[in-house]
């Protein structure tokens, strides 16, 4: 096992908590109209507007995974350029704006717009300039719910499933073949501005989990939540177990792509849901 039991359990607990908080955030942005048509229950989802009239992308549900993948590749390319140029200042500015933006949406699920934007701004500033493990991971718990609240409304089950598969393939290639994901992780860790869960321990040891490893299973679970209701929490459990299996099998000093294991957990969970419903 790559990390100690204590650190591994903490990382798994934070992953699980981020999934649950994310689902609450997403659920606060949607209402359901339930009608009976020809003896069958018909559920219509109505998505509420994001704070300050932030627009969601207008992609077709069936093919929305394509522009999302393109956005990810473009963003990765930009960050790799920053890595090559060692442009820590630009990375810090991008990181701050991204955190602030996502937290506004996350807090907007619970607070009035002004309170949400002010609280998000304060936490984003503190995250940059008053770096500590507790504050970093506390904000990370909410950030991915904000991201999911943007993209879940434009995803259907097929689209989000294909997205998980493609991201898993990309994660495997980026870690084991091109290894640029390892370079990104090292760059972010060195800058002390890591997009994901981050637990330093021991003598210069760090346990990390990338933000995408949190956001993508959350999107999948949220889509299933809109179809099958509370039983979608089974996926939250099985995706956590998939990640736990990776942590158990991992070795010290090595980097691993987490998404293939998390995606397998997501699909196992959905299979279980279909069996019991």
Protein backbone atom coordinates (compact mmCIF):
# COMPACT_ATOMS: atom_id res chain seq x y z
CA UNK A 1 0.00 0.00 0.00
CA UNK A 2 1.39 3.37 -1.05
CA UNK A 3 0.34 5.32 2.06
CA UNK A 4 -0.32 4.44 5.68
CA UNK A 5 -3.73 3.12 6.71
CA UNK A 6 -4.48 6.39 8.50
CA UNK A 7 -3.70 8.57 5.49
CA UNK A 8 -5.43 6.21 3.07
CA UNK A 9 -8.58 6.19 5.19
CA UNK A 10 -8.52 9.99 5.42
CA UNK A 11 -8.20 10.34 1.64
CA UNK A 12 -11.04 7.88 1.04
CA UNK A 13 -13.19 9.67 3.61
CA UNK A 14 -12.61 13.03 1.91
CA UNK A 15 -13.42 11.51 -1.49
CA UNK A 16 -16.67 10.07 -0.12
CA UNK A 17 -17.58 13.35 1.58
CA UNK A 18 -16.90 15.33 -1.61
CA UNK A 19 -19.26 13.01 -3.50
CA UNK A 20 -22.05 13.45 -0.94
CA UNK A 21 -21.66 17.22 -0.68
CA UNK A 22 -21.57 17.44 -4.47
CA UNK A 23 -24.84 15.54 -4.78
CA UNK A 24 -26.50 17.88 -2.27
CA UNK A 25 -25.28 20.92 -4.24
CA UNK A 26 -26.56 19.51 -7.53
CA UNK A 27 -29.88 18.47 -6.00
CA UNK A 28 -30.41 22.04 -4.76
CA UNK A 29 -30.26 23.26 -8.35
CA UNK A 30 -33.00 20.98 -9.65
CA UNK A 31 -36.70 20.52 -9.04
CA UNK A 32 -38.86 17.64 -10.23
CA UNK A 33 -42.33 17.74 -11.77
CA UNK A 34 -43.98 14.33 -11.37
CA UNK A 35 -47.04 13.48 -13.43
CA UNK A 36 -48.94 10.28 -14.21
CA UNK A 37 -49.37 9.59 -17.92
CA UNK A 38 -51.15 6.44 -19.07
CA UNK A 39 -50.64 4.86 -15.67
CA UNK A 40 -46.90 5.53 -15.58
CA UNK A 41 -44.98 8.07 -13.54
CA UNK A 42 -43.26 10.71 -15.66
CA UNK A 43 -40.54 12.80 -14.04
CA UNK A 44 -39.45 16.11 -15.59
CA UNK A 45 -36.32 17.84 -14.30
CA UNK A 46 -36.21 21.62 -14.11
CA UNK A 47 -32.76 23.10 -13.64
CA UNK A 48 -32.52 26.41 -11.80
CA UNK A 49 -30.27 29.19 -13.04
CA UNK A 50 -26.73 29.47 -11.68
CA UNK A 51 -25.74 32.52 -9.58
CA UNK A 52 -25.33 35.83 -11.42
CA UNK A 53 -26.90 34.26 -14.51
CA UNK A 54 -23.81 32.20 -15.26
CA UNK A 55 -24.66 30.33 -18.45
CA UNK A 56 -24.32 26.58 -18.77
CA UNK A 57 -22.87 25.30 -22.07
CA UNK A 58 -25.50 24.56 -24.69
CA UNK A 59 -24.44 21.09 -25.79
CA UNK A 60 -26.62 18.21 -26.95
CA UNK A 61 -26.97 15.55 -24.25
CA UNK A 62 -26.13 12.72 -26.64
CA UNK A 63 -22.82 14.23 -27.76
CA UNK A 64 -21.93 16.58 -24.88
CA UNK A 65 -19.02 14.35 -23.90
CA UNK A 66 -17.17 15.43 -27.08
CA UNK A 67 -16.86 19.18 -26.30
CA UNK A 68 -16.17 18.33 -22.65
CA UNK A 69 -13.24 16.12 -23.68
CA UNK A 70 -12.00 18.87 -26.00
CA UNK A 71 -12.17 21.41 -23.16
CA UNK A 72 -10.18 19.06 -20.93
CA UNK A 73 -7.49 18.56 -23.59
CA UNK A 74 -7.21 22.29 -24.25
CA UNK A 75 -6.98 23.09 -20.52
CA UNK A 76 -4.36 20.36 -20.08
CA UNK A 77 -2.36 21.78 -22.97
CA UNK A 78 -2.38 25.25 -21.43
CA UNK A 79 -1.27 23.92 -18.05
CA UNK A 80 1.52 21.90 -19.68
CA UNK A 81 2.72 25.11 -21.33
CA UNK A 82 2.73 26.79 -17.91
CA UNK A 83 4.74 23.84 -16.57
CA UNK A 84 7.29 24.15 -19.37
CA UNK A 85 7.61 27.90 -18.80
CA UNK A 86 7.56 27.45 -15.01
CA UNK A 87 4.91 30.17 -14.97
CA UNK A 88 3.86 29.80 -11.34
CA UNK A 89 2.30 33.29 -11.27
CA UNK A 90 -0.04 32.54 -14.17
CA UNK A 91 -0.94 29.17 -12.63
CA UNK A 92 -1.70 30.93 -9.33
CA UNK A 93 -4.01 33.44 -11.09
CA UNK A 94 -5.81 30.68 -13.02
CA UNK A 95 -6.11 28.56 -9.90
CA UNK A 96 -7.60 31.47 -7.92
CA UNK A 97 -10.18 32.36 -10.57
CA UNK A 98 -11.19 28.71 -11.03
CA UNK A 99 -11.61 28.15 -7.29
CA UNK A 100 -13.59 31.39 -6.86
CA UNK A 101 -15.86 30.59 -9.83
CA UNK A 102 -16.63 27.03 -8.69
CA UNK A 103 -17.20 28.02 -5.07
CA UNK A 104 -19.65 30.75 -6.12
CA UNK A 105 -21.76 28.09 -7.82
CA UNK A 106 -21.37 25.63 -4.94
CA UNK A 107 -22.32 28.15 -2.25
CA UNK A 108 -25.05 29.59 -4.48
CA UNK A 109 -26.95 26.35 -3.90
CA UNK A 110 -27.40 27.37 -0.25
CA UNK A 111 -26.83 31.14 0.03
CA UNK A 112 -28.01 34.35 -1.58
CA UNK A 113 -25.82 35.42 -4.50
CA UNK A 114 -23.98 38.24 -2.69
CA UNK A 115 -23.14 36.03 0.31
CA UNK A 116 -22.01 33.24 -2.00
CA UNK A 117 -19.65 35.46 -4.03
CA UNK A 118 -18.14 37.12 -0.94
CA UNK A 119 -17.62 33.85 0.95
CA UNK A 120 -16.16 32.21 -2.16
CA UNK A 121 -13.79 35.15 -2.67
CA UNK A 122 -12.55 35.07 0.92
CA UNK A 123 -11.93 31.31 0.85
CA UNK A 124 -10.23 31.48 -2.57
CA UNK A 125 -7.88 34.22 -1.32
CA UNK A 126 -7.08 32.29 1.85
CA UNK A 127 -6.53 29.12 -0.19
CA UNK A 128 -3.85 30.92 -2.22
CA UNK A 129 -2.10 32.97 0.44
CA UNK A 130 -2.78 31.13 3.72
CA UNK A 131 -2.04 27.62 2.55
CA UNK A 132 -2.84 24.83 4.96
CA UNK A 133 -4.16 21.31 4.58
CA UNK A 134 -7.50 21.88 6.35
CA UNK A 135 -8.50 24.95 4.33
CA UNK A 136 -7.33 23.40 1.07
CA UNK A 137 -9.34 20.20 1.48
CA UNK A 138 -12.36 22.01 2.93
CA UNK A 139 -12.74 24.08 -0.22
CA UNK A 140 -12.06 21.04 -2.41
CA UNK A 141 -15.10 19.34 -0.88
CA UNK A 142 -17.34 22.00 -2.45
CA UNK A 143 -15.52 22.84 -5.68
CA UNK A 144 -16.54 19.71 -7.59
CA UNK A 145 -20.20 20.12 -6.74
CA UNK A 146 -19.94 23.53 -8.40
CA UNK A 147 -18.34 22.01 -11.49
CA UNK A 148 -20.94 19.24 -11.66
CA UNK A 149 -23.80 21.75 -11.34
CA UNK A 150 -22.61 23.22 -14.64
CA UNK A 151 -22.24 20.03 -16.65
CA UNK A 152 -24.74 17.50 -15.25
CA UNK A 153 -27.77 19.23 -16.88
CA UNK A 154 -26.23 18.70 -20.34
CA UNK A 155 -25.37 15.03 -19.80
CA UNK A 156 -27.53 11.94 -20.17
CA UNK A 157 -26.66 8.41 -19.02
CA UNK A 158 -25.08 7.36 -22.33
CA UNK A 159 -23.08 10.57 -22.65
CA UNK A 160 -21.70 10.50 -19.11
CA UNK A 161 -20.88 6.77 -19.45
CA UNK A 162 -18.86 7.41 -22.61
CA UNK A 163 -17.22 10.35 -20.86
CA UNK A 164 -16.09 8.10 -17.99
CA UNK A 165 -14.65 5.54 -20.41
CA UNK A 166 -12.78 8.12 -22.47
CA UNK A 167 -11.42 9.87 -19.37
CA UNK A 168 -10.26 6.52 -17.98
CA UNK A 169 -8.39 5.72 -21.21
CA UNK A 170 -6.89 9.21 -21.24
CA UNK A 171 -5.87 8.91 -17.58
CA UNK A 172 -4.11 5.59 -18.26
CA UNK A 173 -2.22 7.01 -21.25
CA UNK A 174 -1.35 10.26 -19.43
CA UNK A 175 0.13 8.42 -16.45
CA UNK A 176 1.76 5.32 -18.00
CA UNK A 177 2.60 6.40 -21.56
CA UNK A 178 3.08 10.14 -22.06
CA UNK A 179 3.51 10.63 -18.28
CA UNK A 180 2.41 14.26 -18.58
CA UNK A 181 -0.12 13.75 -15.79
CA UNK A 182 2.78 12.92 -13.47
CA UNK A 183 4.50 16.14 -14.53
CA UNK A 184 1.32 18.11 -13.83
CA UNK A 185 0.98 16.53 -10.38
CA UNK A 186 4.59 17.37 -9.52
CA UNK A 187 4.20 20.95 -10.81
CA UNK A 188 1.06 21.53 -8.76
CA UNK A 189 2.58 19.96 -5.66
CA UNK A 190 5.69 22.11 -6.00
CA UNK A 191 3.58 25.25 -6.39
CA UNK A 192 1.54 24.14 -3.35
CA UNK A 193 -1.62 24.79 -5.34
CA UNK A 194 -2.97 21.35 -6.12
CA UNK A 195 -6.31 20.81 -7.88
CA UNK A 196 -7.56 17.91 -5.79
CA UNK A 197 -7.25 16.40 -2.34
CA UNK A 198 -3.87 16.91 -0.72
CA UNK A 199 -2.59 15.42 2.55
CA UNK A 200 1.07 15.98 3.51
CA UNK A 201 2.49 13.63 6.14
CA UNK A 202 5.74 12.28 7.50
CA UNK A 203 8.98 13.63 6.08
CA UNK A 204 8.08 15.30 2.79
CA UNK A 205 5.45 12.67 1.91
CA UNK A 206 2.19 13.61 0.24
CA UNK A 207 -1.02 11.74 -0.54
CA UNK A 208 -2.94 13.27 -3.45
CA UNK A 209 -6.04 12.61 -5.50
CA UNK A 210 -6.67 14.68 -8.63
CA UNK A 211 -9.75 16.84 -9.02
CA UNK A 212 -10.95 14.96 -12.08
CA UNK A 213 -11.01 11.76 -10.02
CA UNK A 214 -13.62 13.47 -7.84
CA UNK A 215 -15.61 15.40 -10.45
CA UNK A 216 -16.28 12.69 -13.05
CA UNK A 217 -17.76 10.00 -10.76
CA UNK A 218 -19.84 12.75 -9.16
CA UNK A 219 -21.28 13.67 -12.57
CA UNK A 220 -22.11 10.04 -13.30
CA UNK A 221 -23.79 9.55 -9.91
CA UNK A 222 -25.76 12.79 -10.29
CA UNK A 223 -27.11 11.73 -13.68
CA UNK A 224 -28.19 8.37 -12.22
CA UNK A 225 -29.70 10.22 -9.23
CA UNK A 226 -32.00 12.06 -11.62
CA UNK A 227 -33.14 8.73 -13.11
CA UNK A 228 -33.24 6.28 -10.20
CA UNK A 229 -33.36 8.55 -7.16
CA UNK A 230 -31.65 7.85 -3.85
CA UNK A 231 -30.45 4.42 -4.97
CA UNK A 232 -27.71 6.30 -6.86
CA UNK A 233 -25.87 6.42 -3.52
CA UNK A 234 -24.89 2.82 -4.25
CA UNK A 235 -22.59 4.24 -6.93
CA UNK A 236 -21.04 6.59 -4.38
CA UNK A 237 -20.20 3.54 -2.28
CA UNK A 238 -18.89 1.37 -5.13
CA UNK A 239 -16.79 4.15 -6.66
CA UNK A 240 -15.20 4.67 -3.23
CA UNK A 241 -14.52 0.93 -3.04
CA UNK A 242 -12.91 1.06 -6.49
CA UNK A 243 -10.60 3.80 -5.28
CA UNK A 244 -9.91 1.86 -2.07
CA UNK A 245 -8.84 -1.16 -4.13
CA UNK A 246 -6.37 1.03 -6.05
CA UNK A 247 -4.91 2.41 -2.81
CA UNK A 248 -4.60 -1.11 -1.42
CA UNK A 249 -2.76 -2.42 -4.51
CA UNK A 250 -0.57 0.65 -5.08
CA UNK A 251 3.13 0.70 -4.28
CA UNK A 252 5.26 3.42 -2.73
CA UNK A 253 6.98 5.84 -5.10
CA UNK A 254 4.72 5.08 -8.07
CA UNK A 255 1.94 7.06 -9.77
CA UNK A 256 -1.31 5.40 -10.80
CA UNK A 257 -4.31 6.44 -12.93
CA UNK A 258 -7.28 6.44 -10.55
CA UNK A 259 -10.08 6.87 -13.08
CA UNK A 260 -10.07 3.29 -14.48
CA UNK A 261 -10.68 1.94 -10.97
CA UNK A 262 -13.25 4.61 -10.07
CA UNK A 263 -15.05 4.14 -13.38
CA UNK A 264 -15.21 0.38 -12.80
CA UNK A 265 -16.73 1.10 -9.38
CA UNK A 266 -19.30 3.43 -10.97
CA UNK A 267 -20.40 0.83 -13.51
CA UNK A 268 -20.57 -1.93 -10.90
CA UNK A 269 -22.77 0.33 -8.79
CA UNK A 270 -25.08 1.06 -11.71
CA UNK A 271 -25.31 -2.66 -12.50
CA UNK A 272 -26.35 -3.31 -8.89
CA UNK A 273 -29.00 -0.59 -9.11
CA UNK A 274 -30.48 -2.14 -12.25
CA UNK A 275 -30.55 -5.54 -10.57
CA UNK A 276 -32.51 -4.36 -7.53
CA UNK A 277 -34.94 -1.99 -9.31
